[in-house]
Amino acid sequence: MTFTRKIAQSVLLIALAASAPLAAATAPRIANAQLKQPLPLPYDTSADADAQIAAAKKRAKASGKLLLIDLGGNWCLDCRVLAGVMEIPAVHAFLKKHYELVSVDIGRRDKNLQIPTHYGLDLQGVPALLVINPKTDKLLNRDKVAALADARSMTPQALADWLAQWV
């Protein structure tokens, strides 16, 4: 191999490495996990969502975790399925290690809408998960906020894999 060709290969490898996304954390492996029945009702309808988010953001900054804001309603089956998956012990441990989680009740899309608006979003459906860098207050998953809106048709492993891609 010529010297010029070796340099070209090296430059190509460096360029490819620089353009590759950082590897996500390995999602927990969920073997035949069964969701608890009845499914959880994860949203506190009387909570002060702004205060909860501010407190969680402060904890996330201090601990180096991401902030995960789960927007939904107890009436939403997909929201409840997602909450059930988040309660599976392996997923719960993964979330606690990498995220500060806040579940925010959006009513019937008539409550706490200032939260998605703050991040430049027009909430189209739920569950909507916002992955936030707490140091910059930047939304990291702008194009994938509603990716879990059909959570009931996904396997628990697929949901865990989605959560792992941001850390």
C-alpha atoms as a PDB file:
ATOM      1  CA  MET A   1       0.000   0.000   0.000  1.00  0.00           C
ATOM      2  CA  THR A   2       1.359   3.412  -0.906  1.00  0.00           C
ATOM      3  CA  PHE A   3       2.052   6.058   1.654  1.00  0.00           C
ATOM      4  CA  THR A   4      -0.577   8.358   0.078  1.00  0.00           C
ATOM      5  CA  ARG A   5      -3.192   5.616   0.234  1.00  0.00           C
ATOM      6  CA  LYS A   6      -2.400   4.947   3.920  1.00  0.00           C
ATOM      7  CA  ILE A   7      -2.850   8.643   4.704  1.00  0.00           C
ATOM      8  CA  ALA A   8      -6.149   8.726   2.769  1.00  0.00           C
ATOM      9  CA  GLN A   9      -7.422   5.706   4.720  1.00  0.00           C
ATOM     10  CA  SER A  10      -6.381   7.280   8.008  1.00  0.00           C
ATOM     11  CA  VAL A  11      -8.128  10.536   7.138  1.00  0.00           C
ATOM     12  CA  LEU A  12     -11.274   8.595   6.145  1.00  0.00           C
ATOM     13  CA  LEU A  13     -11.277   6.624   9.416  1.00  0.00           C
ATOM     14  CA  ILE A  14     -10.827   9.808  11.443  1.00  0.00           C
ATOM     15  CA  ALA A  15     -13.660  11.504   9.542  1.00  0.00           C
ATOM     16  CA  LEU A  16     -15.962   8.529  10.062  1.00  0.00           C
ATOM     17  CA  ALA A  17     -15.164   8.383  13.766  1.00  0.00           C
ATOM     18  CA  ALA A  18     -15.789  12.107  14.165  1.00  0.00           C
ATOM     19  CA  SER A  19     -19.161  11.940  12.403  1.00  0.00           C
ATOM     20  CA  ALA A  20     -20.438   8.873  14.263  1.00  0.00           C
ATOM     21  CA  PRO A  21     -22.865   9.544  17.106  1.00  0.00           C
ATOM     22  CA  LEU A  22     -21.716   8.794  20.592  1.00  0.00           C
ATOM     23  CA  ALA A  23     -22.717   5.325  21.698  1.00  0.00           C
ATOM     24  CA  ALA A  24     -25.848   5.206  23.797  1.00  0.00           C
ATOM     25  CA  ALA A  25     -25.918   3.417  27.106  1.00  0.00           C
ATOM     26  CA  THR A  26     -26.831  -0.224  26.952  1.00  0.00           C
ATOM     27  CA  ALA A  27     -30.505  -0.663  27.653  1.00  0.00           C
ATOM     28  CA  PRO A  28     -31.443  -3.073  30.387  1.00  0.00           C
ATOM     29  CA  ARG A  29     -32.383  -6.511  29.074  1.00  0.00           C
ATOM     30  CA  ILE A  30     -35.978  -7.355  29.822  1.00  0.00           C
ATOM     31  CA  ALA A  31     -36.829 -11.016  29.507  1.00  0.00           C
ATOM     32  CA  ASN A  32     -40.540 -11.768  29.404  1.00  0.00           C
ATOM     33  CA  ALA A  33     -41.415  -8.865  31.687  1.00  0.00           C
ATOM     34  CA  GLN A  34     -45.033  -8.713  32.718  1.00  0.00           C
ATOM     35  CA  LEU A  35     -46.609  -5.365  33.472  1.00  0.00           C
ATOM     36  CA  LYS A  36     -48.353  -4.995  36.791  1.00  0.00           C
ATOM     37  CA  GLN A  37     -52.122  -5.025  36.608  1.00  0.00           C
ATOM     38  CA  PRO A  38     -53.921  -2.766  36.889  1.00  0.00           C
ATOM     39  CA  LEU A  39     -51.617  -0.419  35.035  1.00  0.00           C
ATOM     40  CA  PRO A  40     -50.328   2.531  37.087  1.00  0.00           C
ATOM     41  CA  LEU A  41     -51.929   5.967  37.142  1.00  0.00           C
ATOM     42  CA  PRO A  42     -48.662   7.922  36.944  1.00  0.00           C
ATOM     43  CA  TYR A  43     -49.881  11.507  36.757  1.00  0.00           C
ATOM     44  CA  ASP A  44     -50.666  13.563  39.863  1.00  0.00           C
ATOM     45  CA  THR A  45     -53.535  15.759  38.690  1.00  0.00           C
ATOM     46  CA  SER A  46     -53.026  18.276  41.502  1.00  0.00           C
ATOM     47  CA  ALA A  47     -49.222  18.623  41.315  1.00  0.00           C
ATOM     48  CA  ASP A  48     -47.463  21.906  40.603  1.00  0.00           C
ATOM     49  CA  ALA A  49     -45.712  20.810  37.419  1.00  0.00           C
ATOM     50  CA  ASP A  50     -43.494  23.880  37.144  1.00  0.00           C
ATOM     51  CA  ALA A  51     -42.209  23.412  40.701  1.00  0.00           C
ATOM     52  CA  GLN A  52     -41.657  19.677  40.135  1.00  0.00           C
ATOM     53  CA  ILE A  53     -39.671  20.330  36.963  1.00  0.00           C
ATOM     54  CA  ALA A  54     -37.572  23.067  38.586  1.00  0.00           C
ATOM     55  CA  ALA A  55     -36.690  20.751  41.487  1.00  0.00           C
ATOM     56  CA  ALA A  56     -35.913  17.830  39.170  1.00  0.00           C
ATOM     57  CA  LYS A  57     -33.788  20.031  36.917  1.00  0.00           C
ATOM     58  CA  LYS A  58     -31.781  21.153  39.951  1.00  0.00           C
ATOM     59  CA  ARG A  59     -31.244  17.516  41.040  1.00  0.00           C
ATOM     60  CA  ALA A  60     -30.303  16.528  37.478  1.00  0.00           C
ATOM     61  CA  LYS A  61     -27.702  19.302  37.249  1.00  0.00           C
ATOM     62  CA  ALA A  62     -26.186  18.312  40.583  1.00  0.00           C
ATOM     63  CA  SER A  63     -26.043  14.605  39.718  1.00  0.00           C
ATOM     64  CA  GLY A  64     -25.041  14.842  36.049  1.00  0.00           C
ATOM     65  CA  LYS A  65     -28.226  13.124  34.899  1.00  0.00           C
ATOM     66  CA  LEU A  66     -30.608  14.078  32.121  1.00  0.00           C
ATOM     67  CA  LEU A  67     -34.066  15.441  32.868  1.00  0.00           C
ATOM     68  CA  LEU A  68     -36.898  13.299  31.500  1.00  0.00           C
ATOM     69  CA  ILE A  69     -40.301  14.973  31.378  1.00  0.00           C
ATOM     70  CA  ASP A  70     -43.176  12.568  30.753  1.00  0.00           C
ATOM     71  CA  LEU A  71     -46.251  14.454  29.530  1.00  0.00           C
ATOM     72  CA  GLY A  72     -49.507  12.540  29.574  1.00  0.00           C
ATOM     73  CA  GLY A  73     -52.756  11.760  31.307  1.00  0.00           C
ATOM     74  CA  ASN A  74     -54.147   8.929  33.408  1.00  0.00           C
ATOM     75  CA  TRP A  75     -56.901   8.474  30.786  1.00  0.00           C
ATOM     76  CA  CYS A  76     -54.267   7.528  28.158  1.00  0.00           C
ATOM     77  CA  LEU A  77     -53.628   3.788  27.800  1.00  0.00           C
ATOM     78  CA  ASP A  78     -50.277   4.324  26.055  1.00  0.00           C
ATOM     79  CA  CYS A  79     -49.168   6.604  28.927  1.00  0.00           C
ATOM     80  CA  ARG A  80     -50.121   3.963  31.463  1.00  0.00           C
ATOM     81  CA  VAL A  81     -48.344   1.187  29.528  1.00  0.00           C
ATOM     82  CA  LEU A  82     -45.204   3.347  29.369  1.00  0.00           C
ATOM     83  CA  ALA A  83     -45.458   3.979  33.129  1.00  0.00           C
ATOM     84  CA  GLY A  84     -45.836   0.231  33.682  1.00  0.00           C
ATOM     85  CA  VAL A  85     -42.670  -0.448  31.701  1.00  0.00           C
ATOM     86  CA  MET A  86     -40.860   2.225  33.716  1.00  0.00           C
ATOM     87  CA  GLU A  87     -41.829   0.297  36.875  1.00  0.00           C
ATOM     88  CA  ILE A  88     -40.168  -2.948  35.713  1.00  0.00           C
ATOM     89  CA  PRO A  89     -37.253  -3.256  38.167  1.00  0.00           C
ATOM     90  CA  ALA A  90     -34.468  -3.314  35.539  1.00  0.00           C
ATOM     91  CA  VAL A  91     -35.930  -0.313  33.686  1.00  0.00           C
ATOM     92  CA  HIS A  92     -36.606   1.556  36.931  1.00  0.00           C
ATOM     93  CA  ALA A  93     -32.959   1.080  38.020  1.00  0.00           C
ATOM     94  CA  PHE A  94     -31.753   2.243  34.589  1.00  0.00           C
ATOM     95  CA  LEU A  95     -33.929   5.355  34.762  1.00  0.00           C
ATOM     96  CA  LYS A  96     -32.767   6.213  38.289  1.00  0.00           C
ATOM     97  CA  LYS A  97     -29.138   5.911  37.162  1.00  0.00           C
ATOM     98  CA  HIS A  98     -29.462   8.142  34.089  1.00  0.00           C
ATOM     99  CA  TYR A  99     -32.507  10.410  34.476  1.00  0.00           C
ATOM    100  CA  GLU A 100     -34.434  12.621  36.830  1.00  0.00           C
ATOM    101  CA  LEU A 101     -38.010  11.775  35.860  1.00  0.00           C
ATOM    102  CA  VAL A 102     -41.006  14.073  36.210  1.00  0.00           C
ATOM    103  CA  SER A 103     -44.469  12.897  35.161  1.00  0.00           C
ATOM    104  CA  VAL A 104     -46.687  15.845  34.228  1.00  0.00           C
ATOM    105  CA  ASP A 105     -50.461  15.666  33.869  1.00  0.00           C
ATOM    106  CA  ILE A 106     -51.643  17.534  30.781  1.00  0.00           C
ATOM    107  CA  GLY A 107     -55.322  16.918  31.496  1.00  0.00           C
ATOM    108  CA  ARG A 108     -57.196  16.549  28.230  1.00  0.00           C
ATOM    109  CA  ARG A 109     -54.546  18.683  26.527  1.00  0.00           C
ATOM    110  CA  ASP A 110     -55.784  21.662  28.515  1.00  0.00           C
ATOM    111  CA  LYS A 111     -53.318  21.750  31.410  1.00  0.00           C
ATOM    112  CA  ASN A 112     -49.577  22.400  31.878  1.00  0.00           C
ATOM    113  CA  LEU A 113     -49.122  23.153  28.172  1.00  0.00           C
ATOM    114  CA  GLN A 114     -46.623  25.881  29.087  1.00  0.00           C
ATOM    115  CA  ILE A 115     -44.077  23.081  29.478  1.00  0.00           C
ATOM    116  CA  PRO A 116     -43.979  21.838  25.869  1.00  0.00           C
ATOM    117  CA  THR A 117     -44.387  25.452  24.717  1.00  0.00           C
ATOM    118  CA  HIS A 118     -41.241  26.408  26.679  1.00  0.00           C
ATOM    119  CA  TYR A 119     -39.321  23.929  24.508  1.00  0.00           C
ATOM    120  CA  GLY A 120     -40.907  25.167  21.271  1.00  0.00           C
ATOM    121  CA  LEU A 121     -43.324  22.262  20.917  1.00  0.00           C
ATOM    122  CA  ASP A 122     -46.956  22.065  19.951  1.00  0.00           C
ATOM    123  CA  LEU A 123     -48.069  18.935  21.790  1.00  0.00           C
ATOM    124  CA  GLN A 124     -49.729  16.615  19.276  1.00  0.00           C
ATOM    125  CA  GLY A 125     -50.228  13.504  21.363  1.00  0.00           C
ATOM    126  CA  VAL A 126     -49.220  11.616  24.469  1.00  0.00           C
ATOM    127  CA  PRO A 127     -47.232  10.161  25.950  1.00  0.00           C
ATOM    128  CA  ALA A 128     -44.679  12.762  24.983  1.00  0.00           C
ATOM    129  CA  LEU A 129     -41.237  12.352  26.497  1.00  0.00           C
ATOM    130  CA  LEU A 130     -38.913  15.337  26.614  1.00  0.00           C
ATOM    131  CA  VAL A 131     -35.242  14.531  27.139  1.00  0.00           C
ATOM    132  CA  ILE A 132     -33.613  17.689  28.477  1.00  0.00           C
ATOM    133  CA  ASN A 133     -29.992  18.622  29.094  1.00  0.00           C
ATOM    134  CA  PRO A 134     -30.475  20.302  32.497  1.00  0.00           C
ATOM    135  CA  LYS A 135     -27.335  22.453  32.185  1.00  0.00           C
ATOM    136  CA  THR A 136     -28.439  24.140  28.964  1.00  0.00           C
ATOM    137  CA  ASP A 137     -32.207  23.550  29.254  1.00  0.00           C
ATOM    138  CA  LYS A 138     -31.999  22.191  25.696  1.00  0.00           C
ATOM    139  CA  LEU A 139     -34.440  19.613  24.350  1.00  0.00           C
ATOM    140  CA  LEU A 140     -32.359  16.719  22.992  1.00  0.00           C
ATOM    141  CA  ASN A 141     -35.077  14.724  21.229  1.00  0.00           C
ATOM    142  CA  ARG A 142     -37.062  17.404  19.388  1.00  0.00           C
ATOM    143  CA  ASP A 143     -37.916  15.126  16.449  1.00  0.00           C
ATOM    144  CA  LYS A 144     -38.753  12.096  18.602  1.00  0.00           C
ATOM    145  CA  VAL A 145     -40.919  13.548  21.372  1.00  0.00           C
ATOM    146  CA  ALA A 146     -43.985  11.568  20.313  1.00  0.00           C
ATOM    147  CA  ALA A 147     -42.121   8.383  19.334  1.00  0.00           C
ATOM    148  CA  LEU A 148     -43.801   6.419  22.139  1.00  0.00           C
ATOM    149  CA  ALA A 149     -47.337   7.621  21.432  1.00  0.00           C
ATOM    150  CA  ASP A 150     -48.205   4.040  20.477  1.00  0.00           C
ATOM    151  CA  ALA A 151     -46.464   2.455  23.484  1.00  0.00           C
ATOM    152  CA  ARG A 152     -49.064  -0.297  23.799  1.00  0.00           C
ATOM    153  CA  SER A 153     -47.927  -1.774  20.490  1.00  0.00           C
ATOM    154  CA  MET A 154     -44.268  -1.810  21.540  1.00  0.00           C
ATOM    155  CA  THR A 155     -42.485  -4.446  23.551  1.00  0.00           C
ATOM    156  CA  PRO A 156     -41.061  -3.492  26.945  1.00  0.00           C
ATOM    157  CA  GLN A 157     -37.609  -4.075  25.427  1.00  0.00           C
ATOM    158  CA  ALA A 158     -38.290  -1.617  22.586  1.00  0.00           C
ATOM    159  CA  LEU A 159     -39.373   1.002  25.121  1.00  0.00           C
ATOM    160  CA  ALA A 160     -36.228   0.407  27.224  1.00  0.00           C
ATOM    161  CA  ASP A 161     -34.076   0.649  24.074  1.00  0.00           C
ATOM    162  CA  TRP A 162     -35.685   4.003  23.207  1.00  0.00           C
ATOM    163  CA  LEU A 163     -34.926   5.377  26.682  1.00  0.00           C
ATOM    164  CA  ALA A 164     -31.305   4.189  26.437  1.00  0.00           C
ATOM    165  CA  GLN A 165     -30.506   6.026  23.228  1.00  0.00           C
ATOM    166  CA  TRP A 166     -30.310   9.418  24.941  1.00  0.00           C
ATOM    167  CA  VAL A 167     -27.776   8.599  27.651  1.00  0.00           C
END
